[in-house]
Protein backbone atom coordinates (compact mmCIF):
# COMPACT_ATOMS: atom_id res chain seq x y z
CA UNK A 1 23.46 104.14 40.25
CA UNK A 2 25.04 100.39 39.64
CA UNK A 3 28.12 101.71 39.42
CA UNK A 4 28.02 103.34 42.30
CA UNK A 5 26.86 100.41 44.40
CA UNK A 6 29.44 97.70 42.69
CA UNK A 7 32.25 100.67 43.86
CA UNK A 8 30.84 100.87 47.68
CA UNK A 9 30.68 96.67 47.97
CA UNK A 10 34.11 96.79 46.42
CA UNK A 11 35.50 99.10 49.23
CA UNK A 12 33.29 97.43 51.76
CA UNK A 13 34.92 93.83 51.20
CA UNK A 14 38.25 95.54 50.75
CA UNK A 15 37.59 97.25 54.53
CA UNK A 16 36.58 93.72 56.09
CA UNK A 17 39.74 92.41 54.81
CA UNK A 18 42.20 94.78 56.22
CA UNK A 19 40.26 94.47 59.55
CA UNK A 20 40.32 90.75 59.30
CA UNK A 21 44.29 90.95 58.40
CA UNK A 22 44.78 92.87 61.75
CA UNK A 23 42.71 90.99 64.19
CA UNK A 24 44.67 87.93 63.03
CA UNK A 25 47.81 89.67 63.27
CA UNK A 26 46.85 90.72 67.01
CA UNK A 27 46.06 87.20 67.73
CA UNK A 28 49.24 85.97 67.39
CA UNK A 29 51.39 88.94 69.03
CA UNK A 30 51.66 88.71 72.37
CA UNK A 31 51.11 92.00 73.58
CA UNK A 32 48.18 94.79 71.74
CA UNK A 33 49.42 98.03 70.37
CA UNK A 34 47.84 100.92 70.86
CA UNK A 35 47.71 101.76 66.86
CA UNK A 36 45.49 97.98 67.03
CA UNK A 37 42.90 99.58 68.60
CA UNK A 38 42.99 103.06 66.59
CA UNK A 39 43.37 101.24 63.34
CA UNK A 40 40.30 99.10 64.16
CA UNK A 41 38.25 101.60 64.84
CA UNK A 42 38.79 103.47 62.06
CA UNK A 43 37.81 100.44 60.18
CA UNK A 44 34.72 99.90 61.86
CA UNK A 45 33.92 103.66 61.00
CA UNK A 46 34.46 103.25 57.59
CA UNK A 47 32.69 99.85 57.37
CA UNK A 48 30.00 101.54 58.91
CA UNK A 49 29.95 104.75 56.37
CA UNK A 50 30.01 102.45 53.46
CA UNK A 51 26.97 100.30 54.80
CA UNK A 52 25.13 103.40 54.89
CA UNK A 53 25.78 104.67 51.08
CA UNK A 54 24.51 101.64 50.16
CA UNK A 55 21.68 102.04 51.94
CA UNK A 56 20.67 105.07 50.53
CA UNK A 57 21.53 103.46 47.01
CA UNK A 58 19.00 101.06 47.88
CA UNK A 59 16.23 103.30 48.80
CA UNK A 60 16.69 105.21 45.79
CA UNK A 61 16.58 101.78 43.56
CA UNK A 62 13.03 101.00 45.30
CA UNK A 63 11.91 104.66 45.16
CA UNK A 64 12.66 104.37 41.21
CA UNK A 65 11.27 100.91 41.26
CA UNK A 66 7.92 102.39 43.08
CA UNK A 67 7.50 105.28 40.26
CA UNK A 68 7.79 103.12 37.09
CA UNK A 69 5.28 100.77 38.64
CA UNK A 70 2.82 103.93 39.53
CA UNK A 71 3.59 105.30 36.62
CA UNK A 72 2.59 101.98 34.30
CA UNK A 73 -0.66 101.18 36.65
CA UNK A 74 -1.52 104.72 35.41
CA UNK A 75 -0.93 104.42 32.05
CA UNK A 76 -2.98 100.63 31.93
CA UNK A 77 -6.22 102.86 33.84
CA UNK A 78 -6.18 105.48 31.27
CA UNK A 79 -5.79 102.82 28.04
CA UNK A 80 -8.59 101.08 30.07
CA UNK A 81 -10.50 103.85 30.34
CA UNK A 82 -10.30 105.50 26.75
CA UNK A 83 -11.38 101.98 25.63
CA UNK A 84 -14.56 101.99 27.31
CA UNK A 85 -17.09 103.26 24.51
CA UNK A 86 -19.09 106.35 26.37
CA UNK A 87 -22.72 106.64 26.22
CA UNK A 88 -23.32 102.51 26.02
CA UNK A 89 -25.93 101.24 27.96
CA UNK A 90 -25.36 99.00 30.88
CA UNK A 91 -26.89 95.77 30.22
CA UNK A 92 -28.40 93.83 33.37
CA UNK A 93 -30.43 90.53 32.67
CA UNK A 94 -33.88 90.20 34.40
CA UNK A 95 -34.43 88.25 36.71
CA UNK A 96 -37.66 85.24 36.48
CA UNK A 97 -39.74 87.42 39.07
CA UNK A 98 -39.42 90.26 36.37
CA UNK A 99 -40.12 88.38 33.55
CA UNK A 100 -43.10 87.08 35.07
CA UNK A 101 -44.67 90.56 36.08
CA UNK A 102 -44.00 91.66 32.63
CA UNK A 103 -45.66 88.95 31.32
CA UNK A 104 -48.77 89.80 33.72
CA UNK A 105 -49.09 93.11 32.73
CA UNK A 106 -51.90 94.38 30.25
CA UNK A 107 -51.88 94.35 26.82
CA UNK A 108 -51.21 97.61 25.26
CA UNK A 109 -53.60 98.88 22.79
CA UNK A 110 -52.54 101.49 19.90
CA UNK A 111 -54.88 103.94 19.03
CA UNK A 112 -54.67 105.06 15.60
CA UNK A 113 -52.73 108.50 15.30
CA UNK A 114 -53.36 111.53 13.19
CA UNK A 115 -51.94 111.26 9.52
CA UNK A 116 -51.69 114.06 7.10
CA UNK A 117 -53.70 113.96 4.44
CA UNK A 118 -51.12 115.81 2.20
CA UNK A 119 -48.61 112.64 2.29
CA UNK A 120 -51.52 109.94 1.15
CA UNK A 121 -50.79 111.41 -2.15
CA UNK A 122 -48.52 110.11 -4.49
CA UNK A 123 -45.39 111.76 -5.34
CA UNK A 124 -44.61 112.77 -8.52
CA UNK A 125 -42.27 110.63 -10.66
CA UNK A 126 -39.41 112.02 -11.85
CA UNK A 127 -38.85 110.95 -15.45
CA UNK A 128 -35.65 109.23 -16.08
CA UNK A 129 -32.70 111.25 -18.28
CA UNK A 130 -31.46 109.57 -21.00
CA UNK A 131 -28.03 108.45 -20.31
CA UNK A 132 -26.46 109.94 -24.02
CA UNK A 133 -28.02 113.02 -23.29
CA UNK A 134 -24.49 115.46 -23.43
CA UNK A 135 -26.31 118.29 -22.24
CA UNK A 136 -27.46 116.48 -19.21
CA UNK A 137 -23.62 114.87 -18.71
CA UNK A 138 -22.27 118.37 -18.62
CA UNK A 139 -24.33 119.90 -16.31
CA UNK A 140 -23.89 117.38 -14.24
CA UNK A 141 -20.28 117.71 -14.30
CA UNK A 142 -20.00 120.98 -13.23
CA UNK A 143 -21.82 120.48 -9.72
CA UNK A 144 -19.98 119.35 -7.21
CA UNK A 145 -20.70 116.71 -4.84
CA UNK A 146 -21.37 116.37 -1.13
CA UNK A 147 -17.64 114.98 -0.21
CA UNK A 148 -16.32 117.51 -2.19
CA UNK A 149 -17.63 120.30 -0.92
CA UNK A 150 -17.28 119.08 3.19
CA UNK A 151 -13.75 117.90 3.48
CA UNK A 152 -13.36 115.59 6.56
CA UNK A 153 -10.55 117.12 8.89
CA UNK A 154 -7.53 114.83 9.29
CA UNK A 155 -7.31 112.86 12.03
CA UNK A 156 -4.80 114.21 14.95
CA UNK A 157 -2.12 111.72 15.53
CA UNK A 158 -1.40 110.41 19.16
CA UNK A 159 2.16 110.45 19.46
CA UNK A 160 2.15 109.64 23.08
CA UNK A 161 0.91 106.18 21.81
CA UNK A 162 4.19 105.37 20.15
CA UNK A 163 6.67 105.68 22.96
CA UNK A 164 7.72 102.69 25.06
CA UNK A 165 6.54 102.71 28.46
CA UNK A 166 10.09 102.39 29.42
CA UNK A 167 10.93 105.51 27.34
CA UNK A 168 8.27 107.48 28.30
CA UNK A 169 9.81 107.31 31.93
CA UNK A 170 12.65 108.10 30.80
CA UNK A 171 11.68 111.19 28.49
CA UNK A 172 9.77 112.31 31.38
CA UNK A 173 12.44 112.00 34.24
CA UNK A 174 15.14 113.49 31.86
CA UNK A 175 13.64 115.69 29.62
CA UNK A 176 10.50 117.15 31.62
CA UNK A 177 11.81 117.48 35.00
CA UNK A 178 10.01 114.17 35.96
CA UNK A 179 6.42 116.01 35.76
CA UNK A 180 3.65 113.99 34.27
CA UNK A 181 1.66 116.21 33.88
CA UNK A 182 4.14 118.42 31.89
CA UNK A 183 4.74 115.71 30.01
CA UNK A 184 1.20 114.92 28.28
CA UNK A 185 0.55 118.86 28.24
CA UNK A 186 3.50 119.14 25.61
CA UNK A 187 2.57 115.68 23.83
CA UNK A 188 -1.01 117.29 22.67
CA UNK A 189 0.60 120.50 21.59
CA UNK A 190 2.66 118.20 19.73
CA UNK A 191 -0.10 116.15 18.21
CA UNK A 192 -1.93 119.55 16.77
CA UNK A 193 1.53 119.66 14.16
CA UNK A 194 0.93 118.72 10.49
CA UNK A 195 4.56 117.51 9.93
CA UNK A 196 7.66 116.88 12.01
CA UNK A 197 9.20 119.68 11.06
CA UNK A 198 6.65 121.71 12.73
CA UNK A 199 7.54 119.99 16.02
CA UNK A 200 11.30 120.55 15.89
CA UNK A 201 11.16 123.99 15.02
CA UNK A 202 8.28 124.38 18.04
CA UNK A 203 10.90 122.68 20.38
CA UNK A 204 13.95 124.39 19.71
CA UNK A 205 12.15 128.11 20.19
CA UNK A 206 10.13 126.48 23.12
CA UNK A 207 12.59 124.08 25.04
CA UNK A 208 15.95 124.99 26.75
CA UNK A 209 17.24 121.75 25.57
CA UNK A 210 20.63 120.33 24.69
CA UNK A 211 20.07 119.06 21.02
CA UNK A 212 23.28 117.19 21.04
CA UNK A 213 22.01 114.88 23.95
CA UNK A 214 21.49 111.50 23.50
CA UNK A 215 17.98 111.39 25.44
CA UNK A 216 16.85 114.70 23.15
CA UNK A 217 18.00 112.81 20.16
CA UNK A 218 16.29 109.44 21.16
CA UNK A 219 12.96 111.53 21.96
CA UNK A 220 12.97 113.51 18.30
CA UNK A 221 13.48 109.87 16.80
CA UNK A 222 10.20 108.66 18.64
CA UNK A 223 8.22 111.58 17.51
CA UNK A 224 9.31 111.54 13.91
CA UNK A 225 8.38 107.79 13.54
CA UNK A 226 5.00 109.05 14.80
CA UNK A 227 4.63 111.35 11.42
CA UNK A 228 5.75 108.15 9.23
């Protein structure tokens, strides 16, 4: 887009210089030829066409900047919504009037509750086992602990957080048809894989990409970094 802008401006300057030279030459001549008017009109039309092309380039540039701004704001809102702890009660400071009303409340009397007589009986005390009891140590060694039985699931990767804002906008536009929801859905699916090799195999089987393209290579490089 920047190359088109430079090219249009260069053509515009050249056309303006040619028109200026034509007008200066007409100023020095005694009579004006019909070719002067025809060539001048052609130059004016060319200038108008170049101005329209420059205007289109400027509009596209503004659209791109607005898309980046909207994407940035939406990502910031998502990050802020994730950072808020769900279920945390909102703390409101009580006004002096509410404090006075609470102080004037009558003192609450605690009534004795029901007590299970069985709980009042002393609990049996376990007899300590000698540390040098070999049979006891062998028995305990064969019993798996709770941590051995229950394995905590591995935490899912957040590959999306490893992509910068500029790269995210580039990948969304070039690889996912400028569809933010499509890219987010793909990142959720990639998070479920255990290794980068599985991700690469999945993308090659599902996506109609040119895997020799520089943008695709950059995307795979960023994803691979998330599994490091």
